[in-house]
Amino acid sequence: MKQTTKIMTFLATGFLAVSLQAADEKTPAPAAQPAAPAAEQAAPADIWAGVPDVLAEVNGKQVTKAEVVEFLTSQMPDGKLPPMLNAEMIKMILPGLVKSFVDRPLLEAEVEKAGIKASPELVKQRLTEDLKSATPEQQEMFKQQLAMTGKTFESYVDELSKNPQMQQQIAFDEFLQKNVLNNINVTPEEARKFYDEHKEEFKIEADGPDQVRASHILVKVDENASEADKKAAREKAQNLLDQLKQNPAEFEALAQANSDCPSKVNGGSLGLFGKGQMVPEFEKAAFGLEPNTIAQELVETQFGYHIVRRDAVQQGGYEPFEANQEAIMNMLRAQKSQVALMDYISGLEKAANVKFLIEMPDLTK
């Protein structure tokens, strides 16, 4: 999703969601006690007791506590407030809840004026465009994640497209992209300025004397594998090692294609680690190598056969600007988008003579 969609989530959902776990069914129930006479039974606490009856005004019309309570309740899956929601939690979420209650209809009116309709088709179009704009690697990873939940991209999109909140969220985003955020730009010069002014955030710590960086290619051997399977695994690992002896530069490619370790996505890199963090056989091999060299023999551990490479020592310093330029520009663009959005919403509130009658946080800080 575009950054705007993330920013607009509070308007689409209407409030800060409260997620509560049900009590463990295995917890023993307290012994039954005789019921107290009706007159002596304590009435449940009113969690809204400390909330004023009137919370805001829009064009002279009052926004009441009753309306906001009804709105919050309507957002709950079963139409009921969670039993563990208390007065303190209400106090925390109240400003955002009231602001959402006030701002959402104002924005909906502007979206309607612009002729943008919330619909399943709009959701499908946006999600499909977002997937196409991702890199092939990102697309494949996302599809794999969906597959783990038993979904395809098509079924995922179809499911979301039927969600009214998602439809409205995408409609909001479509409107804001075209009418509010269409001129948000960040220059390389701005990114460089941020980098120079926050250089300590890009500092690289030097590797310690008892730390190494290493990569590996693992040919996994199951604990109950037969001797034939173990032999086949060793032969595969040995063939890979023989290839690397001829051309060490193939390490990352061979790791990605052959390793049975999740580190394969990073070319086999395990990053930085110290003593005691790896199994003894692997640790001994890694620490025994010179930087930028590959062990000439396979390393056998409880996981299988490893081809081990010790990687270059990190000397410390600062990450180069060029490696961070895109991320910095995206971050600055998100910041500008948020400011523009807040200014736009403030303009809508001013035009509608909105008055908040409860204390509201300063969102500019």
Protein backbone atom coordinates (compact mmCIF):
# COMPACT_ATOMS: atom_id res chain seq x y z
CA MET A 1 0.00 0.00 0.00
CA LYS A 2 1.09 3.57 -0.51
CA GLN A 3 2.11 5.58 2.53
CA THR A 4 -1.17 7.50 2.47
CA THR A 5 -3.13 4.33 3.08
CA LYS A 6 -1.15 3.73 6.26
CA ILE A 7 -1.66 7.31 7.39
CA MET A 8 -5.39 7.12 6.73
CA THR A 9 -5.93 3.93 8.70
CA PHE A 10 -7.19 5.86 11.72
CA LEU A 11 -9.90 7.45 9.61
CA ALA A 12 -10.91 4.18 7.99
CA THR A 13 -11.12 2.14 11.17
CA GLY A 14 -12.48 4.96 13.31
CA PHE A 15 -10.70 4.16 16.56
CA LEU A 16 -7.81 2.49 18.28
CA ALA A 17 -8.62 -1.22 18.21
CA VAL A 18 -8.49 -2.96 21.56
CA SER A 19 -7.35 -6.57 21.40
CA LEU A 20 -8.01 -8.66 24.47
CA GLN A 21 -7.28 -12.30 25.13
CA ALA A 22 -10.03 -14.55 26.50
CA ALA A 23 -9.39 -16.09 29.89
CA ASP A 24 -7.66 -19.47 29.87
CA GLU A 25 -10.33 -22.16 29.92
CA LYS A 26 -8.11 -24.30 32.11
CA THR A 27 -8.14 -21.77 34.95
CA PRO A 28 -10.16 -23.32 37.80
CA ALA A 29 -13.40 -21.54 38.49
CA PRO A 30 -13.83 -20.15 42.03
CA ALA A 31 -16.09 -22.05 44.35
CA ALA A 32 -19.73 -21.10 43.99
CA GLN A 33 -20.96 -18.58 46.54
CA PRO A 34 -24.54 -17.95 47.60
CA ALA A 35 -26.07 -15.17 45.53
CA ALA A 36 -26.35 -11.88 47.39
CA PRO A 37 -29.75 -10.25 47.66
CA ALA A 38 -30.48 -8.08 44.63
CA ALA A 39 -30.22 -4.88 46.66
CA GLU A 40 -26.68 -5.80 47.81
CA GLN A 41 -25.24 -6.74 44.39
CA ALA A 42 -22.86 -4.06 43.11
CA ALA A 43 -23.86 -2.50 39.81
CA PRO A 44 -21.22 -2.72 37.06
CA ALA A 45 -19.02 0.36 36.88
CA ASP A 46 -19.92 2.86 34.16
CA ILE A 47 -16.67 3.19 32.21
CA TRP A 48 -18.06 6.30 30.49
CA ALA A 49 -18.99 8.07 33.74
CA GLY A 50 -16.09 10.53 33.53
CA VAL A 51 -16.74 11.44 29.88
CA PRO A 52 -18.67 14.69 29.21
CA ASP A 53 -22.09 14.38 27.59
CA VAL A 54 -21.02 16.71 24.74
CA LEU A 55 -17.60 16.07 23.18
CA ALA A 56 -17.44 18.38 20.17
CA GLU A 57 -19.43 20.62 17.85
CA VAL A 58 -19.58 20.50 14.04
CA ASN A 59 -21.29 23.43 12.33
CA GLY A 60 -23.04 24.15 15.61
CA LYS A 61 -24.34 20.59 15.95
CA GLN A 62 -23.32 18.77 19.11
CA VAL A 63 -21.36 15.52 19.02
CA THR A 64 -22.58 13.61 22.05
CA LYS A 65 -21.12 10.87 24.15
CA ALA A 66 -24.05 8.63 23.21
CA GLU A 67 -23.22 8.98 19.49
CA VAL A 68 -19.57 8.17 20.02
CA VAL A 69 -20.37 5.17 22.21
CA GLU A 70 -22.74 3.87 19.53
CA PHE A 71 -20.05 4.43 16.88
CA LEU A 72 -17.41 2.56 18.89
CA THR A 73 -19.77 -0.31 19.58
CA SER A 74 -20.65 -0.60 15.89
CA GLN A 75 -16.99 -1.19 15.07
CA MET A 76 -16.78 -4.26 17.30
CA PRO A 77 -17.12 -7.66 15.57
CA ASP A 78 -19.96 -8.78 17.86
CA GLY A 79 -21.39 -5.33 18.47
CA LYS A 80 -20.28 -5.39 22.11
CA LEU A 81 -17.47 -3.62 23.91
CA PRO A 82 -14.75 -5.92 25.29
CA PRO A 83 -15.53 -6.78 28.93
CA MET A 84 -12.04 -5.73 30.03
CA LEU A 85 -12.35 -2.22 28.58
CA ASN A 86 -12.10 0.13 31.55
CA ALA A 87 -12.38 3.83 32.27
CA GLU A 88 -8.62 4.40 31.99
CA MET A 89 -8.52 2.84 28.54
CA ILE A 90 -11.50 4.94 27.47
CA LYS A 91 -9.62 8.04 28.61
CA MET A 92 -6.62 7.04 26.47
CA ILE A 93 -8.52 6.37 23.25
CA LEU A 94 -11.15 9.08 23.60
CA PRO A 95 -9.32 11.95 21.79
CA GLY A 96 -8.55 9.78 18.74
CA LEU A 97 -12.02 8.30 18.78
CA VAL A 98 -13.73 11.70 18.85
CA LYS A 99 -11.42 13.13 16.19
CA SER A 100 -12.11 10.16 13.94
CA PHE A 101 -15.85 10.47 14.54
CA VAL A 102 -15.69 14.14 13.52
CA ASP A 103 -13.16 13.98 10.67
CA ARG A 104 -14.31 10.87 8.85
CA PRO A 105 -17.68 12.28 7.65
CA LEU A 106 -15.94 15.52 6.59
CA LEU A 107 -13.51 13.58 4.44
CA GLU A 108 -16.23 11.26 3.11
CA ALA A 109 -18.12 14.33 1.87
CA GLU A 110 -15.05 15.57 -0.02
CA VAL A 111 -14.46 12.14 -1.55
CA GLU A 112 -18.09 12.02 -2.68
CA LYS A 113 -17.81 15.51 -4.22
CA ALA A 114 -14.80 14.30 -6.21
CA GLY A 115 -16.88 11.45 -7.63
CA ILE A 116 -14.78 8.68 -6.10
CA LYS A 117 -16.87 5.68 -5.13
CA ALA A 118 -15.84 3.14 -2.51
CA SER A 119 -16.20 -0.21 -4.23
CA PRO A 120 -14.77 -3.75 -4.48
CA GLU A 121 -13.46 -2.90 -7.96
CA LEU A 122 -11.39 0.00 -6.61
CA VAL A 123 -9.81 -2.24 -3.98
CA LYS A 124 -8.96 -4.93 -6.53
CA GLN A 125 -7.43 -2.36 -8.88
CA ARG A 126 -5.26 -0.80 -6.17
CA LEU A 127 -4.00 -4.06 -4.67
CA THR A 128 -3.18 -5.45 -8.11
CA GLU A 129 -1.27 -2.28 -8.99
CA ASP A 130 0.65 -2.44 -5.71
CA LEU A 131 1.69 -6.04 -6.35
CA LYS A 132 2.86 -5.20 -9.86
CA SER A 133 4.96 -2.32 -8.54
CA ALA A 134 6.82 -4.64 -6.14
CA THR A 135 10.06 -6.34 -7.12
CA PRO A 136 9.88 -9.98 -8.30
CA GLU A 137 11.50 -11.03 -5.01
CA GLN A 138 8.91 -9.12 -2.97
CA GLN A 139 6.09 -10.58 -5.05
CA GLU A 140 7.35 -14.11 -4.54
CA MET A 141 7.81 -13.62 -0.79
CA PHE A 142 4.30 -12.19 -0.43
CA LYS A 143 2.79 -15.07 -2.38
CA GLN A 144 4.66 -17.56 -0.22
CA GLN A 145 3.35 -15.89 2.94
CA LEU A 146 -0.19 -16.11 1.59
CA ALA A 147 0.31 -19.75 0.66
CA MET A 148 1.23 -20.50 4.29
CA THR A 149 -2.26 -19.28 5.27
CA GLY A 150 -3.90 -21.29 2.51
CA LYS A 151 -4.61 -18.29 0.30
CA THR A 152 -3.67 -17.16 -3.18
CA PHE A 153 -3.20 -13.53 -4.14
CA GLU A 154 -6.49 -13.66 -6.00
CA SER A 155 -8.42 -15.03 -3.00
CA TYR A 156 -6.72 -12.51 -0.72
CA VAL A 157 -7.71 -9.60 -2.96
CA ASP A 158 -11.25 -10.95 -3.31
CA GLU A 159 -11.58 -11.20 0.48
CA LEU A 160 -10.32 -7.66 1.11
CA SER A 161 -12.41 -6.19 -1.69
CA LYS A 162 -15.57 -7.23 0.15
CA ASN A 163 -14.52 -5.39 3.32
CA PRO A 164 -16.40 -2.03 3.56
CA GLN A 165 -13.66 -0.49 5.68
CA MET A 166 -11.02 -1.42 3.10
CA GLN A 167 -13.21 -0.02 0.32
CA GLN A 168 -13.53 3.29 2.16
CA GLN A 169 -9.83 3.34 3.01
CA ILE A 170 -8.83 2.90 -0.62
CA ALA A 171 -11.33 5.57 -1.67
CA PHE A 172 -9.79 7.96 0.88
CA ASP A 173 -6.32 7.13 -0.42
CA GLU A 174 -7.35 7.62 -4.04
CA PHE A 175 -8.76 11.06 -3.23
CA LEU A 176 -5.80 12.17 -1.15
CA GLN A 177 -3.25 11.03 -3.71
CA LYS A 178 -4.96 13.11 -6.39
CA ASN A 179 -5.93 16.17 -4.37
CA VAL A 180 -3.70 16.53 -1.31
CA LEU A 181 -0.47 14.62 -1.77
CA ASN A 182 -0.01 15.00 -5.50
CA ASN A 183 2.75 17.61 -5.11
CA ILE A 184 4.76 15.96 -2.34
CA ASN A 185 8.37 15.81 -3.51
CA VAL A 186 11.70 15.12 -1.85
CA THR A 187 14.99 16.03 -3.52
CA PRO A 188 18.33 14.25 -3.18
CA GLU A 189 19.64 17.47 -1.62
CA GLU A 190 17.06 17.21 1.17
CA ALA A 191 18.03 13.60 1.75
CA ARG A 192 21.72 14.54 1.91
CA LYS A 193 20.94 17.31 4.40
CA PHE A 194 19.08 14.86 6.64
CA TYR A 195 21.96 12.38 6.39
CA ASP A 196 24.54 15.00 7.33
CA GLU A 197 22.46 16.28 10.26
CA HIS A 198 21.72 12.78 11.62
CA LYS A 199 24.95 11.03 10.77
CA GLU A 200 25.19 9.27 14.12
CA GLU A 201 22.09 7.29 13.14
CA PHE A 202 24.14 5.72 10.35
CA LYS A 203 27.14 4.84 12.47
CA ILE A 204 28.60 1.35 12.03
CA GLU A 205 30.11 -0.25 15.09
CA ALA A 206 33.38 -2.09 14.54
CA ASP A 207 33.39 -5.86 15.07
CA GLY A 208 34.74 -6.95 18.44
CA PRO A 209 37.81 -9.17 18.90
CA ASP A 210 35.68 -12.15 19.88
CA GLN A 211 33.21 -11.83 17.02
CA VAL A 212 33.18 -13.03 13.42
CA ARG A 213 31.02 -12.63 10.36
CA ALA A 214 30.33 -15.82 8.47
CA SER A 215 28.24 -17.33 5.72
CA HIS A 216 27.43 -20.96 5.02
CA ILE A 217 25.74 -23.38 2.70
CA LEU A 218 23.90 -26.11 4.56
CA VAL A 219 23.00 -29.47 3.12
CA LYS A 220 20.59 -30.69 5.75
CA VAL A 221 20.59 -34.22 7.11
CA ASP A 222 17.57 -35.35 9.11
CA GLU A 223 18.21 -36.85 12.53
CA ASN A 224 16.80 -40.23 11.47
CA ALA A 225 18.29 -40.24 7.97
CA SER A 226 19.58 -43.50 6.58
CA GLU A 227 23.25 -44.04 5.81
CA ALA A 228 22.42 -43.80 2.12
CA ASP A 229 20.75 -40.41 2.63
CA LYS A 230 23.69 -39.16 4.69
CA LYS A 231 26.09 -40.27 1.97
CA ALA A 232 24.04 -38.52 -0.71
CA ALA A 233 23.95 -35.31 1.34
CA ARG A 234 27.69 -35.39 1.89
CA GLU A 235 28.35 -35.96 -1.81
CA LYS A 236 26.11 -32.99 -2.70
CA ALA A 237 27.91 -30.76 -0.21
CA GLN A 238 31.31 -31.93 -1.44
CA ASN A 239 30.38 -31.21 -5.06
CA LEU A 240 29.34 -27.68 -4.09
CA LEU A 241 32.58 -27.16 -2.18
CA ASP A 242 34.60 -28.40 -5.17
CA GLN A 243 32.83 -25.81 -7.35
CA LEU A 244 33.70 -23.07 -4.86
CA LYS A 245 37.33 -24.09 -4.78
CA GLN A 246 37.37 -23.40 -8.49
CA ASN A 247 35.32 -20.19 -8.29
CA PRO A 248 34.76 -18.72 -4.77
CA ALA A 249 32.75 -15.84 -6.27
CA GLU A 250 29.82 -18.25 -6.82
CA PHE A 251 29.22 -18.62 -3.08
CA GLU A 252 26.10 -16.41 -2.82
CA ALA A 253 24.51 -17.87 -5.94
CA LEU A 254 25.15 -21.46 -4.84
CA ALA A 255 23.82 -20.68 -1.36
CA GLN A 256 20.61 -19.22 -2.76
CA ALA A 257 20.09 -22.23 -5.02
CA ASN A 258 21.17 -25.05 -2.70
CA SER A 259 21.30 -24.18 0.99
CA ASP A 260 18.73 -25.68 3.35
CA CYS A 261 19.10 -22.78 5.80
CA PRO A 262 16.81 -19.70 5.77
CA SER A 263 19.98 -17.63 5.43
CA LYS A 264 19.96 -18.64 1.75
CA VAL A 265 17.88 -15.52 0.96
CA ASN A 266 20.89 -13.46 2.09
CA GLY A 267 23.38 -15.48 0.10
CA GLY A 268 24.10 -17.65 3.11
CA SER A 269 25.11 -14.78 5.38
CA LEU A 270 24.66 -15.37 9.10
CA GLY A 271 25.91 -11.91 9.97
CA LEU A 272 27.91 -11.16 13.10
CA PHE A 273 28.07 -13.56 16.04
CA GLY A 274 30.23 -14.19 19.07
CA LYS A 275 31.56 -17.23 20.83
CA GLY A 276 28.96 -19.56 22.26
CA GLN A 277 26.25 -18.55 19.80
CA MET A 278 26.79 -21.37 17.30
CA VAL A 279 27.23 -25.11 17.70
CA PRO A 280 30.85 -25.93 18.64
CA GLU A 281 31.87 -27.51 15.32
CA PHE A 282 30.63 -24.55 13.32
CA GLU A 283 32.10 -21.98 15.72
CA LYS A 284 35.54 -23.64 15.64
CA ALA A 285 35.57 -23.61 11.85
CA ALA A 286 34.43 -19.98 11.54
CA PHE A 287 36.85 -18.59 14.11
CA GLY A 288 39.69 -20.67 12.65
CA LEU A 289 39.49 -19.08 9.21
CA GLU A 290 41.10 -15.92 7.93
CA PRO A 291 38.64 -13.25 6.73
CA ASN A 292 37.37 -13.75 3.16
CA THR A 293 38.29 -17.41 3.04
CA ILE A 294 36.28 -20.63 2.66
CA ALA A 295 36.97 -23.73 4.75
CA GLN A 296 38.59 -26.38 2.54
CA GLU A 297 36.76 -29.21 4.30
CA LEU A 298 33.10 -29.76 5.04
CA VAL A 299 31.94 -29.08 8.58
CA GLU A 300 29.56 -31.67 10.00
CA THR A 301 27.11 -30.72 12.75
CA GLN A 302 23.84 -32.06 14.09
CA PHE A 303 22.12 -30.17 11.25
CA GLY A 304 24.05 -31.68 8.37
CA TYR A 305 27.03 -30.62 6.26
CA HIS A 306 28.15 -27.00 6.07
CA ILE A 307 30.38 -25.12 3.70
CA VAL A 308 31.72 -22.29 5.86
CA ARG A 309 33.08 -18.93 4.75
CA ARG A 310 34.44 -16.31 7.10
CA ASP A 311 33.46 -12.88 5.82
CA ALA A 312 35.28 -9.55 5.95
CA VAL A 313 35.75 -7.79 9.28
CA GLN A 314 33.66 -4.65 9.68
CA GLN A 315 36.01 -1.87 10.70
CA GLY A 316 33.42 0.67 11.80
CA GLY A 317 32.59 4.08 10.41
CA TYR A 318 29.39 5.26 8.74
CA GLU A 319 27.01 3.72 6.25
CA PRO A 320 27.41 5.55 2.94
CA PHE A 321 24.76 8.07 1.96
CA GLU A 322 24.22 6.36 -1.38
CA ALA A 323 23.16 3.12 0.32
CA ASN A 324 20.56 4.97 2.38
CA GLN A 325 19.39 7.67 -0.02
CA GLU A 326 16.21 5.92 -1.15
CA ALA A 327 15.16 4.99 2.41
CA ILE A 328 15.77 8.55 3.62
CA MET A 329 13.77 10.02 0.73
CA ASN A 330 10.88 7.63 1.47
CA MET A 331 10.95 8.60 5.14
CA LEU A 332 11.00 12.34 4.36
CA ARG A 333 8.20 11.86 1.84
CA ALA A 334 6.12 10.10 4.52
CA GLN A 335 6.77 12.94 6.95
CA LYS A 336 5.72 15.56 4.41
CA SER A 337 2.64 13.53 3.56
CA GLN A 338 1.62 13.35 7.19
CA VAL A 339 2.03 17.10 7.65
CA ALA A 340 0.05 17.79 4.45
CA LEU A 341 -2.69 15.43 5.58
CA MET A 342 -2.93 17.02 9.02
CA ASP A 343 -3.07 20.49 7.44
CA TYR A 344 -5.81 19.37 5.06
CA ILE A 345 -7.90 17.80 7.84
CA SER A 346 -7.41 20.94 9.94
CA GLY A 347 -8.74 22.96 7.01
CA LEU A 348 -11.84 20.77 6.81
CA GLU A 349 -12.38 21.17 10.55
CA LYS A 350 -12.02 24.95 10.31
CA ALA A 351 -14.50 25.15 7.41
CA ALA A 352 -16.98 23.08 9.44
CA ASN A 353 -16.46 25.23 12.57
CA VAL A 354 -15.33 22.18 14.53
CA LYS A 355 -14.83 22.70 18.24
CA PHE A 356 -13.41 19.92 20.37
CA LEU A 357 -14.75 20.16 23.92
CA ILE A 358 -12.27 17.70 25.42
CA GLU A 359 -8.51 18.03 25.70
CA MET A 360 -6.87 16.96 22.44
CA PRO A 361 -3.19 16.00 22.01
CA ASP A 362 -0.88 18.23 19.96
CA LEU A 363 -0.19 16.05 16.90
CA THR A 364 2.46 18.45 15.59
CA LYS A 365 4.94 17.40 18.27
